Amino acid sequence: MRTLLAAAFLCASAALALPAAAADSAGGVDLTSPADPAGGPMSPWFFRLGAAELQNLDAFKVTVGGGPVPGAALHYNHIYSVLLEAGYNFTPDISGVLSVGLPPSISISGGGSLAGVGKLESTTFGPSAVTVQYQPFHDGFFRPYVGGGISSLIIFSTHAAAVQSPKLSNDIAPEFEAGSDFMFAENWGLFAEVKKAFLRSHATGTFGGAPLDGKATIAPWVYATGVTLHF
């Protein structure tokens, strides 16, 4: 969590420097107006960039050699990533948003009855989501939003430890989110949000020479904060 807060502080520092830099480059002219230089309306595009922490669930239903392993669970190291969201306002209240995370590499260890096994495997994966957001307030500092859509899990690589020849499946699942923009001007501010994705992954490999087959309920909570920019 301290790493997430440190990254958020850096994002906030960069955001606070934007208006000053814009004013300097324009000879003191304020460029934070919602209108473009020609006096027209702002673009429907907006972006959010920040730090994210993923907290996976530990549920793991697994068989080894065809027999179930009661009480099996998973344990993950801390998972941090860089989050980028690109959004487009179809109406003043409704927007479509693509969220992508910098692919994190994580270590997966045994939990519950598998706690004594230690590290099972590691993987690098790509988290992403496509959602529709509803943001009813467009004035003032506090501008909350809620949304829902589809999240995806793409496995780029797996590396063996206690589980040999490990494989993890990709997945697509529903996602819900809630958050808020905290606007210091019409075109820039900070954001904080939480997402819940109901992702799972099918795990296969061999353990102690016996075939392993399991279903990991990842279903991560994603906590993110950073800079929001409207154009």
Protein backbone atom coordinates (compact mmCIF):
# COMPACT_ATOMS: atom_id res chain seq x y z
CA MET A 1 0.00 0.00 0.00
CA ARG A 2 2.92 2.37 0.73
CA THR A 3 4.16 1.77 -2.81
CA LEU A 4 0.71 2.65 -4.19
CA LEU A 5 0.57 5.86 -2.13
CA ALA A 6 4.07 6.85 -3.24
CA ALA A 7 3.15 6.35 -6.89
CA ALA A 8 -0.06 8.33 -6.37
CA PHE A 9 1.96 11.17 -4.81
CA LEU A 10 4.19 11.32 -7.88
CA CYS A 11 1.13 11.41 -10.16
CA ALA A 12 -0.39 14.20 -8.04
CA SER A 13 2.85 16.20 -8.15
CA ALA A 14 2.91 15.94 -11.93
CA ALA A 15 -0.73 17.02 -12.13
CA LEU A 16 -0.17 20.06 -9.91
CA ALA A 17 2.68 21.13 -12.20
CA LEU A 18 0.55 21.06 -15.36
CA PRO A 19 -1.34 24.37 -15.01
CA ALA A 20 1.82 26.28 -14.10
CA ALA A 21 3.71 24.83 -17.03
CA ALA A 22 0.81 25.62 -19.36
CA ALA A 23 0.68 29.21 -18.15
CA ASP A 24 4.46 29.68 -18.52
CA SER A 25 4.45 28.34 -22.07
CA ALA A 26 1.63 30.71 -23.02
CA GLY A 27 3.19 33.82 -21.44
CA GLY A 28 0.94 33.73 -18.42
CA VAL A 29 -2.30 32.93 -20.28
CA ASP A 30 -4.55 30.53 -18.36
CA LEU A 31 -5.05 27.38 -20.45
CA THR A 32 -7.30 25.60 -17.97
CA SER A 33 -10.49 26.91 -19.58
CA PRO A 34 -12.98 24.28 -20.75
CA ALA A 35 -12.93 25.85 -24.22
CA ASP A 36 -10.29 25.12 -26.83
CA PRO A 37 -8.02 27.94 -28.12
CA ALA A 38 -10.55 28.77 -30.83
CA GLY A 39 -13.27 29.20 -28.24
CA GLY A 40 -15.13 25.98 -29.07
CA PRO A 41 -16.30 23.22 -26.72
CA MET A 42 -13.96 20.71 -25.13
CA SER A 43 -13.24 17.39 -26.79
CA PRO A 44 -15.28 14.37 -25.59
CA TRP A 45 -12.03 12.48 -24.89
CA PHE A 46 -10.53 12.09 -21.42
CA PHE A 47 -7.71 10.09 -19.85
CA ARG A 48 -6.80 8.81 -16.41
CA LEU A 49 -3.27 7.69 -15.51
CA GLY A 50 -2.25 6.36 -12.14
CA ALA A 51 -1.08 3.58 -9.87
CA ALA A 52 -3.16 0.48 -9.12
CA GLU A 53 -3.04 -2.27 -6.52
CA LEU A 54 -4.68 -5.65 -7.24
CA GLN A 55 -5.88 -7.87 -4.42
CA ASN A 56 -6.80 -11.37 -5.63
CA LEU A 57 -9.00 -13.83 -3.80
CA ASP A 58 -7.32 -17.05 -2.60
CA ALA A 59 -9.98 -19.63 -3.57
CA PHE A 60 -8.54 -22.70 -5.32
CA LYS A 61 -10.38 -25.94 -6.12
CA VAL A 62 -7.78 -28.46 -7.22
CA THR A 63 -7.24 -32.16 -7.80
CA VAL A 64 -3.86 -33.93 -7.84
CA GLY A 65 -3.72 -37.34 -9.43
CA GLY A 66 -7.51 -37.25 -9.77
CA GLY A 67 -8.14 -36.75 -6.05
CA PRO A 68 -9.39 -33.47 -4.49
CA VAL A 69 -7.14 -31.49 -2.15
CA PRO A 70 -9.34 -30.28 0.76
CA GLY A 71 -8.63 -26.82 2.12
CA ALA A 72 -6.38 -25.79 -0.77
CA ALA A 73 -5.89 -22.06 -1.32
CA LEU A 74 -3.53 -19.65 -3.03
CA HIS A 75 -1.34 -16.83 -1.76
CA TYR A 76 -0.12 -13.95 -3.95
CA ASN A 77 2.63 -11.41 -3.45
CA HIS A 78 1.65 -7.74 -3.55
CA ILE A 79 0.51 -6.83 -7.05
CA TYR A 80 1.04 -3.29 -8.33
CA SER A 81 0.61 -1.89 -11.82
CA VAL A 82 0.31 1.31 -13.84
CA LEU A 83 -3.28 1.97 -14.93
CA LEU A 84 -4.27 3.88 -18.07
CA GLU A 85 -7.90 4.67 -18.87
CA ALA A 86 -9.02 6.22 -22.16
CA GLY A 87 -12.62 7.43 -22.24
CA TYR A 88 -15.06 9.00 -24.68
CA ASN A 89 -18.22 10.88 -23.66
CA PHE A 90 -21.12 9.78 -25.85
CA THR A 91 -23.42 12.08 -23.85
CA PRO A 92 -22.64 14.45 -20.96
CA ASP A 93 -23.50 11.62 -18.51
CA ILE A 94 -22.45 8.45 -20.36
CA SER A 95 -18.98 7.46 -21.49
CA GLY A 96 -17.20 4.39 -22.79
CA VAL A 97 -13.87 3.60 -21.11
CA LEU A 98 -10.99 1.29 -21.98
CA SER A 99 -8.78 0.40 -19.00
CA VAL A 100 -5.42 -1.32 -19.40
CA GLY A 101 -2.77 -2.18 -16.85
CA LEU A 102 0.97 -2.56 -17.30
CA PRO A 103 1.40 -6.38 -17.22
CA PRO A 104 2.56 -7.34 -13.71
CA SER A 105 4.64 -10.42 -12.86
CA ILE A 106 3.37 -12.22 -9.77
CA SER A 107 4.42 -15.14 -7.60
CA ILE A 108 1.77 -17.70 -6.64
CA SER A 109 2.30 -19.77 -3.48
CA GLY A 110 0.29 -22.42 -1.74
CA GLY A 111 -2.17 -21.42 0.98
CA GLY A 112 -4.46 -23.30 3.32
CA SER A 113 -3.59 -27.01 3.21
CA LEU A 114 -0.94 -26.19 0.55
CA ALA A 115 0.84 -23.59 2.71
CA GLY A 116 3.81 -25.90 3.33
CA VAL A 117 4.46 -26.34 -0.37
CA GLY A 118 5.76 -22.80 -0.87
CA LYS A 119 5.92 -21.27 -4.32
CA LEU A 120 3.77 -23.07 -6.88
CA GLU A 121 4.52 -21.01 -9.99
CA SER A 122 4.78 -17.45 -11.29
CA THR A 123 3.09 -15.68 -14.16
CA THR A 124 2.96 -12.45 -16.13
CA PHE A 125 -0.52 -11.34 -17.19
CA GLY A 126 -2.30 -8.44 -18.83
CA PRO A 127 -5.36 -6.96 -17.08
CA SER A 128 -7.85 -4.87 -19.06
CA ALA A 129 -11.51 -3.87 -19.13
CA VAL A 130 -14.10 -2.17 -21.32
CA THR A 131 -16.84 -0.43 -19.35
CA VAL A 132 -19.66 2.08 -19.61
CA GLN A 133 -19.52 4.81 -16.95
CA TYR A 134 -22.30 7.03 -15.64
CA GLN A 135 -21.17 10.41 -14.25
CA PRO A 136 -24.14 12.66 -13.49
CA PHE A 137 -22.27 15.68 -12.08
CA HIS A 138 -20.14 17.92 -14.33
CA ASP A 139 -19.50 20.95 -12.13
CA GLY A 140 -17.62 21.42 -8.91
CA PHE A 141 -14.73 19.59 -7.30
CA PHE A 142 -16.36 16.21 -6.55
CA ARG A 143 -17.62 14.31 -9.65
CA PRO A 144 -18.46 10.67 -8.79
CA TYR A 145 -19.10 7.93 -11.32
CA VAL A 146 -20.17 4.29 -11.46
CA GLY A 147 -19.74 1.80 -14.24
CA GLY A 148 -19.91 -1.76 -15.44
CA GLY A 149 -18.71 -3.89 -18.30
CA ILE A 150 -16.34 -6.68 -19.24
CA SER A 151 -12.88 -7.43 -17.84
CA SER A 152 -10.26 -9.70 -19.37
CA LEU A 153 -7.27 -11.67 -18.15
CA ILE A 154 -4.54 -12.50 -20.70
CA ILE A 155 -1.73 -14.82 -19.58
CA PHE A 156 1.54 -13.93 -21.30
CA SER A 157 3.85 -16.45 -19.60
CA THR A 158 4.09 -18.95 -16.74
CA HIS A 159 7.17 -20.25 -14.91
CA ALA A 160 7.46 -23.50 -12.99
CA ALA A 161 8.23 -23.96 -9.30
CA ALA A 162 6.53 -26.74 -7.28
CA VAL A 163 4.08 -27.11 -10.19
CA GLN A 164 5.87 -28.31 -13.32
CA SER A 165 4.74 -27.48 -16.88
CA PRO A 166 2.22 -24.95 -15.50
CA LYS A 167 -0.50 -23.49 -17.67
CA LEU A 168 -3.12 -20.88 -16.82
CA SER A 169 -6.12 -20.01 -18.98
CA ASN A 170 -7.27 -16.59 -20.14
CA ASP A 171 -10.68 -15.39 -19.02
CA ILE A 172 -13.40 -12.80 -19.69
CA ALA A 173 -15.81 -11.84 -16.91
CA PRO A 174 -18.13 -9.05 -15.68
CA GLU A 175 -16.66 -6.04 -13.89
CA PHE A 176 -18.13 -3.23 -11.80
CA GLU A 177 -16.47 0.00 -10.71
CA ALA A 178 -17.04 3.19 -8.75
CA GLY A 179 -14.92 6.26 -8.27
CA SER A 180 -14.69 10.00 -8.55
CA ASP A 181 -12.80 12.74 -10.32
CA PHE A 182 -11.59 15.56 -8.06
CA MET A 183 -11.30 18.47 -10.46
CA PHE A 184 -9.01 21.44 -9.77
CA ALA A 185 -9.95 22.92 -13.15
CA GLU A 186 -12.31 21.92 -15.95
CA ASN A 187 -9.62 19.94 -17.77
CA TRP A 188 -7.48 18.39 -15.03
CA GLY A 189 -7.62 16.90 -11.56
CA LEU A 190 -7.12 13.70 -9.62
CA PHE A 191 -9.16 10.49 -9.48
CA ALA A 192 -9.67 7.57 -7.11
CA GLU A 193 -11.62 4.42 -7.92
CA VAL A 194 -12.21 0.80 -7.07
CA LYS A 195 -12.98 -2.02 -9.51
CA LYS A 196 -14.23 -5.56 -8.95
CA ALA A 197 -13.67 -8.16 -11.67
CA PHE A 198 -15.03 -11.72 -11.42
CA LEU A 199 -12.16 -13.45 -13.19
CA ARG A 200 -11.10 -17.09 -12.89
CA SER A 201 -8.33 -19.16 -14.41
CA HIS A 202 -8.04 -22.87 -15.17
CA ALA A 203 -4.71 -24.20 -13.88
CA THR A 204 -2.99 -27.37 -15.11
CA GLY A 205 0.42 -28.95 -14.71
CA THR A 206 2.07 -31.70 -12.70
CA PHE A 207 2.75 -31.77 -8.97
CA GLY A 208 5.07 -34.43 -7.57
CA GLY A 209 4.77 -36.27 -10.88
CA ALA A 210 0.96 -36.42 -10.70
CA PRO A 211 -1.36 -34.40 -12.94
CA LEU A 212 -2.77 -31.25 -11.37
CA ASP A 213 -6.06 -29.69 -12.45
CA GLY A 214 -7.64 -26.73 -10.70
CA LYS A 215 -9.78 -23.64 -10.90
CA ALA A 216 -8.44 -20.45 -9.31
CA THR A 217 -11.08 -17.86 -8.43
CA ILE A 218 -9.01 -14.70 -8.79
CA ALA A 219 -11.85 -12.13 -8.71
CA PRO A 220 -9.54 -9.20 -7.94
CA TRP A 221 -10.33 -5.93 -6.22
CA VAL A 222 -8.44 -3.13 -7.97
CA TYR A 223 -7.71 0.12 -6.10
CA ALA A 224 -6.38 2.99 -8.22
CA THR A 225 -5.55 6.68 -7.94
CA GLY A 226 -3.81 9.21 -10.14
CA VAL A 227 -4.30 12.06 -12.61
CA THR A 228 -7.36 12.74 -14.78
CA LEU A 229 -7.15 14.90 -17.91
CA HIS A 230 -9.99 16.20 -20.10
CA PHE A 231 -9.35 17.77 -23.50
